[in-house]
N, C-alpha and C. Protein backbone atom coordinates (compact mmCIF):
# COMPACT_ATOMS: atom_id res chain seq x y z
N MET A 1 -30.27 35.73 12.08
CA MET A 1 -31.32 35.49 12.04
C MET A 1 -32.38 36.39 13.17
N THR A 2 -33.45 36.90 12.57
CA THR A 2 -34.36 37.74 13.20
C THR A 2 -35.00 37.12 14.21
N LYS A 3 -35.01 37.81 15.55
CA LYS A 3 -35.36 37.30 16.78
C LYS A 3 -37.16 38.12 17.14
N GLN A 4 -37.73 37.31 17.25
CA GLN A 4 -39.22 37.50 17.25
C GLN A 4 -39.26 38.54 18.76
N LEU A 5 -39.65 39.73 19.04
CA LEU A 5 -39.90 40.23 20.17
C LEU A 5 -41.25 40.00 20.70
N PRO A 6 -41.56 39.65 22.06
CA PRO A 6 -42.93 39.56 22.27
C PRO A 6 -43.70 40.70 22.20
N HIS A 7 -43.46 42.00 21.82
CA HIS A 7 -44.52 43.15 21.51
C HIS A 7 -43.94 43.80 20.54
N ASP A 8 -44.51 44.27 19.39
CA ASP A 8 -44.05 44.99 18.51
C ASP A 8 -44.32 46.20 18.58
N HIS A 9 -43.25 47.16 18.60
CA HIS A 9 -43.44 48.41 19.06
C HIS A 9 -42.80 49.43 17.89
N GLY A 10 -42.70 48.78 16.76
CA GLY A 10 -42.15 49.63 15.56
C GLY A 10 -40.85 49.80 15.26
N GLN A 11 -39.99 49.10 16.02
CA GLN A 11 -38.40 49.51 16.18
C GLN A 11 -37.92 48.26 15.71
N ALA A 12 -37.22 48.64 14.62
CA ALA A 12 -36.34 47.85 14.16
C ALA A 12 -35.07 47.15 15.09
N MET A 13 -35.19 46.11 15.68
CA MET A 13 -33.83 45.89 16.55
C MET A 13 -33.09 44.84 16.10
N GLU A 14 -33.05 44.38 14.98
CA GLU A 14 -32.34 43.26 14.35
C GLU A 14 -30.95 43.52 14.33
N HIS A 15 -30.57 44.60 13.82
CA HIS A 15 -29.15 45.33 13.69
C HIS A 15 -28.49 45.16 15.04
N GLU A 16 -29.22 45.93 16.15
CA GLU A 16 -28.65 46.27 17.48
C GLU A 16 -28.31 44.81 18.05
N LEU A 17 -29.51 43.47 17.77
CA LEU A 17 -29.19 42.47 18.66
C LEU A 17 -28.37 41.63 18.03
N ASP A 18 -27.83 41.78 16.71
CA ASP A 18 -27.06 41.21 15.90
C ASP A 18 -25.59 41.48 16.26
N HIS A 19 -25.61 42.87 16.96
CA HIS A 19 -24.31 43.11 16.95
C HIS A 19 -23.94 43.41 18.78
N MET A 20 -25.01 43.03 19.60
CA MET A 20 -24.68 43.21 21.03
C MET A 20 -23.70 42.54 21.62
N PRO A 21 -22.54 42.88 22.20
CA PRO A 21 -21.51 41.99 22.72
C PRO A 21 -22.32 40.79 23.63
N SER A 22 -21.54 39.73 23.88
CA SER A 22 -21.83 38.59 24.55
C SER A 22 -21.79 39.08 26.08
N ALA A 23 -22.47 38.11 26.85
CA ALA A 23 -22.69 38.39 28.39
C ALA A 23 -21.52 38.45 28.88
N GLY A 24 -20.40 37.58 28.41
CA GLY A 24 -18.60 37.49 29.08
C GLY A 24 -18.25 38.90 28.80
N GLU A 25 -18.43 39.55 27.41
CA GLU A 25 -18.04 40.98 27.19
C GLU A 25 -18.41 41.93 28.28
N PHE A 26 -19.53 41.73 28.58
CA PHE A 26 -20.59 42.58 29.43
C PHE A 26 -20.02 42.50 30.67
N GLN A 27 -19.37 41.33 31.21
CA GLN A 27 -19.19 41.07 32.48
C GLN A 27 -17.69 41.63 32.81
N THR A 28 -16.77 41.45 31.61
CA THR A 28 -15.56 42.23 31.39
C THR A 28 -15.55 43.96 31.78
N ALA A 29 -16.52 44.39 31.16
CA ALA A 29 -17.00 45.88 31.09
C ALA A 29 -17.24 46.07 32.75
N ALA A 30 -18.13 45.28 33.31
CA ALA A 30 -18.81 45.04 34.40
C ALA A 30 -17.61 45.28 35.62
N GLU A 31 -16.58 44.43 35.46
CA GLU A 31 -15.40 44.26 36.40
C GLU A 31 -14.76 45.58 36.17
N ILE A 32 -14.20 46.25 35.38
CA ILE A 32 -13.91 47.74 35.35
C ILE A 32 -14.61 48.79 35.80
N PHE A 33 -15.75 48.70 35.55
CA PHE A 33 -17.05 49.62 36.24
C PHE A 33 -16.47 49.59 37.77
N LYS A 34 -16.69 48.46 38.24
CA LYS A 34 -16.47 48.19 39.70
C LYS A 34 -15.29 48.81 40.21
N GLN A 35 -14.56 49.03 39.50
CA GLN A 35 -13.44 49.95 40.12
C GLN A 35 -13.60 51.53 40.30
N LEU A 36 -14.80 51.94 39.71
CA LEU A 36 -14.95 53.12 39.79
C LEU A 36 -15.97 53.43 41.21
N GLY A 37 -15.97 52.22 41.70
CA GLY A 37 -17.01 52.51 43.03
C GLY A 37 -16.39 52.92 44.41
N ASP A 38 -15.11 53.33 44.20
CA ASP A 38 -14.45 53.64 45.46
C ASP A 38 -13.62 54.58 45.54
N THR A 39 -13.97 55.43 46.01
CA THR A 39 -13.39 57.07 45.77
C THR A 39 -11.68 56.69 46.13
N SER A 40 -11.31 56.04 47.44
CA SER A 40 -10.04 55.75 47.64
C SER A 40 -9.42 54.98 46.19
N ARG A 41 -9.68 54.00 45.87
CA ARG A 41 -9.36 53.40 44.95
C ARG A 41 -9.45 53.88 43.61
N LEU A 42 -10.21 54.78 43.16
CA LEU A 42 -9.82 55.89 42.10
C LEU A 42 -8.82 56.72 42.66
N ARG A 43 -8.69 57.17 43.52
CA ARG A 43 -7.61 58.45 43.67
C ARG A 43 -6.38 57.45 43.77
N ILE A 44 -5.95 56.50 44.18
CA ILE A 44 -4.81 55.42 44.21
C ILE A 44 -4.41 55.46 42.71
N PHE A 45 -5.48 55.08 41.88
CA PHE A 45 -5.49 54.42 40.46
C PHE A 45 -5.05 55.93 39.70
N TRP A 46 -5.49 56.85 39.87
CA TRP A 46 -5.35 58.24 39.40
C TRP A 46 -3.76 58.72 39.51
N LEU A 47 -3.18 58.48 40.95
CA LEU A 47 -1.93 58.74 41.13
C LEU A 47 -0.86 58.13 40.38
N LEU A 48 -1.54 56.57 40.08
CA LEU A 48 -0.44 55.73 39.52
C LEU A 48 -0.27 55.99 38.15
N CYS A 49 -1.31 56.89 37.53
CA CYS A 49 -1.33 56.89 36.12
C CYS A 49 -0.45 58.01 36.18
N HIS A 50 0.07 58.99 37.05
CA HIS A 50 0.97 59.99 36.90
C HIS A 50 2.51 59.50 37.53
N CYS A 51 2.42 58.45 38.27
CA CYS A 51 3.79 58.20 38.68
C CYS A 51 3.95 56.68 39.26
N GLU A 52 5.21 56.18 39.37
CA GLU A 52 5.31 54.92 39.78
C GLU A 52 5.88 55.26 41.45
N GLU A 53 5.25 54.53 42.45
CA GLU A 53 5.33 54.56 43.85
C GLU A 53 5.33 53.46 44.72
N CYS A 54 5.70 53.41 45.91
CA CYS A 54 5.65 52.28 46.62
C CYS A 54 4.64 52.37 47.58
N VAL A 55 4.16 51.50 48.42
CA VAL A 55 2.90 51.35 49.20
C VAL A 55 3.12 52.54 50.20
N ILE A 56 4.06 52.59 51.02
CA ILE A 56 4.24 53.79 51.73
C ILE A 56 4.31 54.96 51.40
N ASN A 57 4.55 55.20 50.29
CA ASN A 57 4.18 56.83 49.92
C ASN A 57 3.13 57.16 49.37
N ILE A 58 2.53 55.72 48.79
CA ILE A 58 1.05 56.11 48.13
C ILE A 58 -0.02 56.23 49.70
N SER A 59 0.06 55.52 50.39
CA SER A 59 -0.34 55.78 51.87
C SER A 59 -0.46 57.09 52.48
N SER A 60 0.95 57.75 52.37
CA SER A 60 1.02 58.95 52.57
C SER A 60 0.12 60.13 52.02
N MET A 61 0.20 60.06 50.59
CA MET A 61 -0.31 60.62 49.68
C MET A 61 -1.83 60.83 49.75
N VAL A 62 -2.25 59.55 50.24
CA VAL A 62 -3.89 59.38 49.94
C VAL A 62 -4.32 59.46 51.40
N GLU A 63 -3.37 59.59 52.68
CA GLU A 63 -3.57 59.48 53.86
C GLU A 63 -4.46 58.44 54.16
N MET A 64 -3.91 57.51 54.17
CA MET A 64 -4.63 56.00 54.43
C MET A 64 -3.40 54.87 54.87
N SER A 65 -3.97 54.05 55.57
CA SER A 65 -2.70 53.12 56.35
C SER A 65 -2.32 52.43 54.85
N SER A 66 -1.19 51.94 55.19
CA SER A 66 -0.63 50.95 54.25
C SER A 66 -1.42 49.67 54.03
N PRO A 67 -2.05 48.89 54.94
CA PRO A 67 -2.91 48.09 54.67
C PRO A 67 -4.23 48.07 53.89
N ALA A 68 -4.82 49.33 54.00
CA ALA A 68 -5.84 49.72 53.05
C ALA A 68 -4.97 50.08 51.65
N VAL A 69 -4.29 50.69 51.72
CA VAL A 69 -3.65 50.95 50.32
C VAL A 69 -3.49 49.55 49.63
N SER A 70 -2.65 48.51 50.56
CA SER A 70 -2.39 47.39 49.87
C SER A 70 -3.86 46.54 49.11
N HIS A 71 -4.69 46.76 50.04
CA HIS A 71 -6.06 46.27 49.67
C HIS A 71 -6.26 46.72 48.27
N HIS A 72 -6.38 47.93 48.11
CA HIS A 72 -6.95 48.78 46.90
C HIS A 72 -5.90 48.19 45.85
N LEU A 73 -4.56 48.36 45.75
CA LEU A 73 -3.77 47.86 44.96
C LEU A 73 -4.06 46.70 44.85
N LYS A 74 -4.19 45.67 45.25
CA LYS A 74 -4.42 44.17 44.83
C LYS A 74 -5.72 43.94 43.90
N GLN A 75 -6.50 44.76 44.30
CA GLN A 75 -7.95 44.84 43.49
C GLN A 75 -7.73 45.42 42.08
N LEU A 76 -6.93 46.53 42.26
CA LEU A 76 -6.33 47.29 41.05
C LEU A 76 -5.52 46.56 40.13
N LYS A 77 -4.74 45.55 40.64
CA LYS A 77 -3.75 44.81 39.89
C LYS A 77 -4.66 43.72 39.23
N THR A 78 -5.51 42.83 40.12
CA THR A 78 -6.30 41.84 39.56
C THR A 78 -7.45 42.26 38.50
N ALA A 79 -7.59 43.20 38.46
CA ALA A 79 -8.32 43.86 37.24
C ALA A 79 -7.82 44.20 35.86
N GLY A 80 -6.32 44.09 36.40
CA GLY A 80 -5.35 44.52 35.12
C GLY A 80 -5.05 46.03 34.95
N LEU A 81 -5.48 46.79 35.83
CA LEU A 81 -5.38 48.38 35.75
C LEU A 81 -3.98 48.80 36.51
N ILE A 82 -3.27 48.18 37.22
CA ILE A 82 -2.06 48.40 37.59
C ILE A 82 -0.85 47.18 37.56
N VAL A 83 0.20 47.39 37.79
CA VAL A 83 1.59 46.64 37.53
C VAL A 83 2.45 46.90 38.51
N SER A 84 3.26 45.82 38.92
CA SER A 84 4.32 46.12 39.91
C SER A 84 5.76 45.41 39.44
N ARG A 85 6.44 46.23 40.10
CA ARG A 85 8.11 45.39 40.07
C ARG A 85 8.47 45.83 41.22
N ARG A 86 9.60 44.77 41.50
CA ARG A 86 10.32 44.57 42.74
C ARG A 86 11.86 45.34 42.77
N GLU A 87 12.31 46.20 43.21
CA GLU A 87 13.44 46.57 43.55
C GLU A 87 14.17 46.21 44.76
N GLY A 88 14.64 45.54 44.81
CA GLY A 88 15.30 45.01 46.51
C GLY A 88 14.22 44.71 47.08
N LYS A 89 13.88 45.08 48.22
CA LYS A 89 12.88 44.97 49.10
C LYS A 89 11.50 45.91 48.73
N GLU A 90 11.64 46.66 48.09
CA GLU A 90 10.64 47.88 47.94
C GLU A 90 10.01 47.19 46.50
N VAL A 91 8.82 47.47 46.49
CA VAL A 91 7.88 47.11 45.38
C VAL A 91 7.13 48.34 45.01
N TYR A 92 7.18 48.51 43.68
CA TYR A 92 6.81 49.87 42.86
C TYR A 92 5.43 49.43 42.21
N TYR A 93 4.32 50.25 42.23
CA TYR A 93 3.25 50.14 41.53
C TYR A 93 2.88 51.42 40.51
N LYS A 94 2.55 51.32 39.45
CA LYS A 94 1.99 52.08 38.33
C LYS A 94 0.91 51.53 37.50
N ALA A 95 0.41 52.56 36.77
CA ALA A 95 -0.93 52.16 35.95
C ALA A 95 -0.18 51.23 34.85
N ALA A 96 -0.88 50.38 34.50
CA ALA A 96 -0.68 49.26 33.40
C ALA A 96 -0.95 50.17 31.95
N GLU A 97 0.14 49.91 31.06
CA GLU A 97 0.19 50.48 29.97
C GLU A 97 -0.76 49.60 28.70
N THR A 98 -2.15 49.66 29.27
CA THR A 98 -3.19 49.15 28.55
C THR A 98 -4.44 50.09 27.75
N GLU A 99 -4.77 49.52 26.81
CA GLU A 99 -5.90 50.38 26.62
C GLU A 99 -6.96 50.69 27.64
N LYS A 100 -7.46 49.28 28.52
CA LYS A 100 -8.30 49.24 29.64
C LYS A 100 -8.03 50.45 30.52
N ALA A 101 -6.83 50.59 30.91
CA ALA A 101 -6.29 51.38 32.29
C ALA A 101 -6.17 52.91 31.72
N GLN A 102 -5.70 53.19 30.11
CA GLN A 102 -5.63 54.15 29.66
C GLN A 102 -7.34 55.18 29.50
N LEU A 103 -7.99 54.08 29.07
CA LEU A 103 -9.74 54.60 29.07
C LEU A 103 -10.10 54.81 30.39
N LEU A 104 -10.07 54.00 31.61
CA LEU A 104 -10.28 54.13 32.78
C LEU A 104 -9.80 55.65 33.18
N HIS A 105 -8.61 55.80 33.27
CA HIS A 105 -8.05 56.94 33.41
C HIS A 105 -8.59 58.24 32.74
N HIS A 106 -8.75 58.16 31.72
CA HIS A 106 -9.41 59.40 30.87
C HIS A 106 -10.66 59.68 31.12
N MET A 107 -11.53 58.44 31.57
CA MET A 107 -12.79 58.36 32.00
C MET A 107 -13.17 59.22 33.59
N ILE A 108 -11.95 58.77 34.34
CA ILE A 108 -11.97 59.61 35.44
C ILE A 108 -11.93 60.90 35.40
N GLU A 109 -10.87 61.32 34.76
CA GLU A 109 -10.37 62.79 34.72
C GLU A 109 -11.79 63.43 33.73
N SER A 110 -12.50 63.04 32.93
CA SER A 110 -13.61 63.58 32.13
C SER A 110 -14.67 63.72 33.23
N LEU A 111 -14.63 62.76 33.94
CA LEU A 111 -15.97 62.96 35.04
C LEU A 111 -15.53 63.41 35.94
N VAL A 112 -14.43 64.08 36.90
CA VAL A 112 -14.32 64.99 37.48
C VAL A 112 -13.60 66.13 37.06
N LYS A 113 -13.45 66.14 35.66
CA LYS A 113 -12.92 67.21 35.34
C LYS A 113 -11.58 68.10 35.74
N ILE A 114 -10.62 66.88 36.16
CA ILE A 114 -9.31 67.50 36.24
C ILE A 114 -8.17 67.17 35.21
N ALA A 115 -7.56 68.17 35.39
CA ALA A 115 -6.63 68.28 34.11
C ALA A 115 -5.41 67.88 34.53
N CYS A 116 -4.93 66.68 33.82
CA CYS A 116 -3.60 66.20 34.08
C CYS A 116 -2.25 66.94 34.14
N PRO A 117 -1.44 66.83 35.35
CA PRO A 117 -0.28 67.57 35.35
C PRO A 117 0.51 67.22 34.19
N GLY A 118 1.24 68.28 33.64
CA GLY A 118 2.14 67.86 32.70
C GLY A 118 1.75 67.59 31.31
N HIS A 119 0.21 67.69 31.02
CA HIS A 119 -0.55 67.40 29.69
C HIS A 119 -0.78 68.73 29.19
């Protein structure tokens, strides 16, 4: 069905409008992009793309308090970008093995022009 636009500027937009993702799909993308809004969260996520670590070690690596790191880990986990596993009393975190997490990792590296160690 062709949508009649208020102003005709000579552009045929029917194809784009027919294939535009839903508002819900854009919301999902926006939630992922929110993760890009914090430098510390990006650094933590980037590290977890390259290793599996506990909160104490992550805190030391990024020179932040454990509660602050835990806050970012919770947000990353809620967004589905990292996973955790418990071993005894210790909880280890790493990047999720999902297309979403891999895409964000590649975007971060492309945007800051970092070469992945070991690749």
